[in-house]
């Protein structure tokens, strides 16, 4: 299998934020994933028991909302996220610091082949046979910053290389969410300090966080003057969720508000799921 080279015109629009743009991009797999919002989960290579528990909660939410993830496939955190991806069809993009063919010849060949068998995506800015070099890996990271919709940090001690990723994403205006830890714990001293300085946001409800992502990923109607923001969100839910009860639960709206917005959508000529109207009729 040979990679496909993307021309400048085919670069994802999100790459425009980079000061040092790649001269070329090579892809193997489903390159339409590049235009989707992506979630990047990073953490230390050594995890505490608390971090492992938090990561299990994160991966369950990733599976529930069918998120597209992005990473460089490091040990521990990346590995845990990709294990969920393989078992539950969570799509993933892996950004390489070597040429794609060189990666397919490495000791991790089994992993990259599994990515391709699932028709997900391998991405590199280097020609196929390019070998790894220490300076290429920090270069690679800037591509992940540009492509990420948000960065989620379950744990980050001061001595971890994760701190460079966190601070780079903050500098690039990528939203950073950190899981709070007790202030006496060194395991997350850096992420706690970023929360304290208000440059990262705390997160404890991963379902709520990924719900916002899910809306962005699935909202396929253009913004127009005849629909309010609430109506656009509700229309997105109606196209994907069959139960009025579920819509009320996820949006935390009253039944009266949902029915009012549904009536407005009907007046605007929007088609809703027939089963949803049957559910309403049964109330």
Foldseek 3Di string as FASTA:
>chain_A
DFWDKDQPVRQAPLQVLDPDGQRIKTKAFDPVCLNAAEEEEDAFQDDDPQLVVVLVVLLVLCLVLLGEYEEQDDHDSSVSNVVSCLVRVNAYEHEYLFAQLCVCVDPCVVVVVSNVVSRHMYMYSDHRHGDHDPVSVVVRLVVVLSSHQAYEYAWYAPPGPVLVVVVVNLVSVRAYEYEDDPCVDRRHVPVNVCVVVVSHHYDDDSNLVVVVSSLRRQQDDDDDPLADPVLSSLQSCQVPPLEPVVVCVNVVDDPVVSVVSVVSCVVVVDDGDPSHVVNVVVD
